[in-house]
Protein backbone atom coordinates (compact mmCIF):
# COMPACT_ATOMS: atom_id res chain seq x y z
CA MET A 1 180.65 68.94 18.02
CA LYS A 2 177.85 67.67 15.77
CA VAL A 3 175.17 65.13 16.51
CA LYS A 4 176.77 62.69 14.06
CA HIS A 5 179.78 62.54 16.40
CA ILE A 6 177.65 61.26 19.30
CA PRO A 7 177.16 57.46 19.05
CA ILE A 8 173.56 56.26 18.75
CA LEU A 9 172.82 53.11 20.75
CA PHE A 10 169.15 52.70 19.85
CA GLU A 11 166.43 54.44 17.84
CA ASN A 12 162.75 53.93 17.15
CA GLU A 13 159.74 56.11 16.32
CA ASP A 14 159.58 57.50 19.88
CA CYS A 15 163.17 58.05 21.00
CA ILE A 16 166.90 58.03 20.35
CA ILE A 17 169.36 56.76 22.95
CA PHE A 18 172.85 58.26 22.72
CA ASN A 19 176.17 57.40 24.36
CA LYS A 20 177.02 60.88 25.65
CA PRO A 21 180.73 61.68 25.86
CA ALA A 22 182.17 63.00 29.11
CA GLY A 23 182.69 66.76 29.11
CA LEU A 24 179.54 67.55 27.12
CA PRO A 25 176.86 69.35 29.20
CA VAL A 26 173.31 68.16 28.64
CA GLN A 27 171.86 71.68 28.90
CA GLY A 28 173.19 75.17 28.32
CA GLY A 29 173.85 77.80 30.96
CA ALA A 30 176.34 80.41 32.11
CA GLY A 31 179.78 79.71 30.69
CA ILE A 32 178.56 76.82 28.50
CA ASN A 33 179.16 77.29 24.78
CA VAL A 34 178.01 73.87 23.55
CA SER A 35 175.47 71.48 25.05
CA LEU A 36 173.68 68.34 23.92
CA ASP A 37 170.37 70.19 23.91
CA GLN A 38 171.84 72.91 21.69
CA ILE A 39 173.32 70.38 19.28
CA LEU A 40 170.00 68.56 18.99
CA THR A 41 168.07 71.80 18.52
CA GLU A 42 170.35 73.02 15.73
CA THR A 43 170.66 69.77 13.81
CA GLN A 44 167.44 67.81 14.30
CA ARG A 45 163.99 68.60 12.87
CA PRO A 46 161.62 68.13 14.52
CA ARG A 47 163.48 68.99 17.70
CA LEU A 48 164.40 66.14 20.05
CA LEU A 49 163.30 66.57 23.67
CA LEU A 50 165.33 65.88 26.80
CA VAL A 51 163.58 63.70 29.40
CA HIS A 52 166.39 63.09 31.94
CA ARG A 53 169.86 64.41 32.74
CA LEU A 54 173.49 63.41 33.12
CA ASP A 55 176.22 65.51 34.70
CA LYS A 56 178.63 67.17 32.29
CA ASP A 57 181.50 64.90 33.37
CA THR A 58 179.44 61.70 33.36
CA SER A 59 179.47 59.67 30.15
CA GLY A 60 176.93 57.14 28.95
CA VAL A 61 173.32 56.40 28.05
CA ILE A 62 170.90 59.27 27.67
CA LEU A 63 167.44 59.01 26.13
CA VAL A 64 165.80 61.84 24.18
CA ALA A 65 162.22 61.80 22.92
CA LYS A 66 161.15 62.47 19.34
CA HIS A 67 157.81 64.10 20.14
CA LYS A 68 155.88 65.64 23.04
CA GLN A 69 153.72 62.62 23.74
CA ALA A 70 156.78 60.37 24.06
CA ALA A 71 158.56 62.97 26.21
CA ALA A 72 155.65 63.08 28.67
CA ARG A 73 155.54 59.27 28.85
CA PHE A 74 159.27 58.74 29.31
CA SER A 75 159.61 61.54 31.86
CA GLY A 76 157.27 59.66 34.17
CA LEU A 77 159.16 56.38 33.83
CA PHE A 78 162.64 57.31 35.03
CA SER A 79 162.82 55.41 38.29
CA LYS A 80 163.02 51.74 39.08
CA THR A 81 159.56 51.71 40.62
CA ARG A 82 158.02 53.61 37.70
CA GLY A 83 159.46 51.64 34.84
CA ILE A 84 163.03 52.55 33.73
CA ALA A 85 166.02 51.61 35.89
CA LYS A 86 169.32 53.47 35.47
CA TYR A 87 172.62 51.72 36.17
CA TYR A 88 176.07 53.28 36.45
CA LEU A 89 179.66 52.08 36.71
CA GLY A 90 182.00 54.04 38.96
CA VAL A 91 185.44 53.62 40.48
CA CYS A 92 185.70 54.80 44.06
CA ALA A 93 188.47 55.08 46.60
CA GLY A 94 188.71 52.22 49.08
CA THR A 95 186.07 49.57 49.74
CA PRO A 96 182.53 50.28 51.01
CA GLN A 97 181.88 48.65 54.39
CA LYS A 98 178.79 46.82 53.15
CA ASP A 99 178.64 44.87 49.88
CA PRO A 100 176.13 44.98 48.38
CA GLY A 101 174.63 47.99 50.07
CA THR A 102 172.16 50.84 49.79
CA ILE A 103 172.96 54.43 50.75
CA ARG A 104 169.96 56.23 52.18
CA LEU A 105 171.13 59.70 53.09
CA ALA A 106 169.20 62.91 52.57
CA LEU A 107 170.81 65.53 50.32
CA GLU A 108 170.35 69.27 50.38
CA ILE A 109 168.81 70.43 47.11
CA ARG A 110 168.30 74.18 46.69
CA GLY A 111 168.13 74.70 50.42
CA ALA A 112 165.77 71.81 51.16
CA SER A 113 166.60 68.36 52.51
CA LYS A 114 165.55 65.64 50.07
CA GLN A 115 165.57 61.89 50.65
CA ALA A 116 167.91 60.03 48.30
CA GLU A 117 168.71 56.36 47.70
CA THR A 118 171.61 54.74 45.84
CA ALA A 119 172.13 50.96 45.67
CA TYR A 120 175.51 49.49 44.79
CA LYS A 121 177.48 46.28 44.49
CA ARG A 122 181.21 45.81 44.17
CA LEU A 123 182.39 44.18 40.93
CA SER A 124 186.17 44.19 41.44
CA GLY A 125 189.06 46.00 43.12
CA ASN A 126 191.38 45.76 46.11
CA GLN A 127 191.75 47.59 49.42
CA ASP A 128 192.58 50.86 47.63
CA TRP A 129 189.81 51.03 45.01
CA SER A 130 186.53 49.46 43.94
CA LEU A 131 184.64 49.19 40.67
CA LEU A 132 180.98 49.56 41.60
CA GLU A 133 177.73 49.01 39.76
CA LEU A 134 175.25 51.57 41.06
CA GLU A 135 171.50 51.95 40.67
CA LEU A 136 169.56 55.12 41.38
CA GLY A 137 166.47 54.85 43.53
CA THR A 138 166.01 58.62 43.30
CA GLY A 139 167.45 61.20 40.91
CA ARG A 140 168.95 64.02 42.98
CA MET A 141 171.61 66.36 41.65
CA HIS A 142 175.09 64.75 41.82
CA GLN A 143 173.50 61.99 43.89
CA ILE A 144 176.03 59.19 43.28
CA ARG A 145 179.00 61.49 43.72
CA ARG A 146 177.67 62.98 46.94
CA HIS A 147 176.52 59.70 48.43
CA LEU A 148 179.85 57.94 47.86
CA ALA A 149 181.74 60.89 49.30
CA LEU A 150 179.49 60.88 52.39
CA ILE A 151 180.29 57.22 53.15
CA GLY A 152 184.03 57.83 52.72
CA ASN A 153 184.45 56.24 49.28
CA PRO A 154 184.52 59.16 46.82
CA LEU A 155 184.67 58.58 43.09
CA LEU A 156 188.13 58.84 41.58
CA GLY A 157 188.51 61.95 39.45
CA ASP A 158 185.74 63.83 41.26
CA ASP A 159 187.00 67.41 41.62
CA LYS A 160 183.90 68.61 43.48
CA TYR A 161 183.22 66.04 46.18
CA GLY A 162 186.25 63.76 45.94
CA ASN A 163 189.63 63.22 47.55
CA PHE A 164 191.56 66.06 45.94
CA SER A 165 195.05 64.98 47.02
CA LEU A 166 194.43 61.41 45.83
CA ASN A 167 193.11 62.65 42.49
CA LYS A 168 196.22 64.81 42.05
CA GLU A 169 198.49 61.87 42.81
CA LEU A 170 196.64 59.56 40.42
CA ARG A 171 196.83 62.14 37.63
CA LYS A 172 200.59 62.28 37.99
CA THR A 173 201.29 58.60 38.54
CA LYS A 174 198.48 56.60 36.92
CA GLY A 175 197.12 58.80 34.14
CA LEU A 176 193.75 59.61 35.73
CA LYS A 177 192.07 62.01 33.30
CA ARG A 178 188.39 62.35 34.19
CA LEU A 179 185.65 61.56 36.65
CA LEU A 180 185.22 57.78 36.64
CA LEU A 181 181.44 57.61 36.44
CA HIS A 182 179.61 56.13 33.46
CA ALA A 183 175.86 55.71 32.87
CA SER A 184 176.15 52.15 31.66
CA ARG A 185 172.63 50.81 31.17
CA LEU A 186 168.91 51.58 30.83
CA VAL A 187 166.43 48.78 31.51
CA GLY A 188 162.65 48.80 31.24
CA ALA A 189 159.88 46.26 30.72
CA GLU A 190 157.81 46.37 27.53
CA THR A 191 154.65 46.59 29.63
CA SER A 192 155.70 49.99 31.01
CA VAL A 193 157.97 51.43 28.30
CA GLY A 194 156.08 50.24 25.23
CA PHE A 195 158.98 48.22 23.84
CA PRO A 196 161.64 45.93 25.35
CA LEU A 197 164.36 48.23 26.70
CA ASP A 198 167.82 46.99 27.69
CA ILE A 199 170.54 49.25 26.32
CA THR A 200 174.19 49.17 27.39
CA ALA A 201 176.77 51.87 26.62
CA PRO A 202 180.39 50.71 26.28
CA LEU A 203 182.92 52.31 28.59
CA PRO A 204 184.98 55.21 27.20
CA ASP A 205 188.59 54.45 26.30
CA TYR A 206 190.00 56.53 29.17
CA PHE A 207 187.86 54.58 31.66
CA ASN A 208 188.97 51.20 30.28
CA SER A 209 192.62 52.28 30.21
CA PHE A 210 192.56 53.39 33.82
CA LEU A 211 190.87 50.15 34.92
CA PHE A 212 193.59 48.21 33.10
CA ASN A 213 196.27 50.23 34.89
CA LEU A 214 194.63 49.56 38.25
CA ALA A 215 194.36 45.84 37.50
CA GLU A 216 198.05 45.73 36.58
CA ILE A 217 198.89 47.49 39.84
CA GLN A 218 196.82 44.92 41.72
CA LYS A 219 198.78 42.06 40.09
CA ASP A 220 202.06 43.62 41.21
């Protein structure tokens, strides 16, 4: 994959915001042949700098900085209270008991218990599934996936924390192909970011197709 194959949603003198495809790791590591960081390093001069992360299987908005000063500034802004809010769309099994709601459950990170907060609201669905808009209050590893699994509403297509038998059934019967989690939007005020920031990444085709299939099932 080349950088020209990754859609650009926004660009200015300080940053580029991409719509990362699902399946592309952000950083390299054991067993990873291609990553976003590697692609940017090999094809962009001067090198673009990562300032936040997305899971390999999560698609959507990711911001990279064009220089060190911008990287330092953006890195300190990635939380709602600091300046940049991150929103996600995800499809989970069942219906959360509270709507809207906030999950405040500590997560174990490298052997230590860390406080974590995920807010959500239900956009559509039925008794079997829900399309949620989610907002991160903290940025722990796999936070959304783990939080939804802990409250009994795992994301569809999640092979690490999800309902494995349900995922297998949906692959066979409804064409489920990937984890249904998409980083949909970045929002920040000009006073904190330096420019008006409100960028939305369109859903991938496989996500839209599966939502259509679910909606058709609901009609039946």
